[in-house]
Amino acid sequence: MFTRIMECYAKSGMAEEATKRVRLEVLPILRAQPGFRDLITLRDGQDRQRVICLSFWDTKENADTYARQHYDWIVQRLTSLLESRPTLETLQVEMSTVHNIASRAA
């Protein structure tokens, strides 16, 4: 199991609109992708313009395929709401009590 972490900073007063756009426009695309499991969107309690999205994938290859096919379009849809291009990182999920996810033995 892998998670793709996208972190961005919304323009002043635009964080709510950015999270809404993720829910309405990005989530349907994610749900149609092979290997997609879940999406969690977070907002920082101190810096309300900071938005982090965690997408969960069966394999790194599933996450990479999604990124190649859709990520640039999604960033374009969010650009007008963001201060700069989001950062992106992919990590292996070792354990999750919420998702009952455990890493496969290497």
Foldseek 3Di string as FASTA:
>chain_A
DKKKKKKFFWDPPQQVVLVVCCVPPVVVVQVPFPFWDDKDWDADPVRRRMIMIITGGPDVVSVVVCCVPPVVVSQVVCVVGGPDGIDMDMDDDCQDPVVRDHDDDD
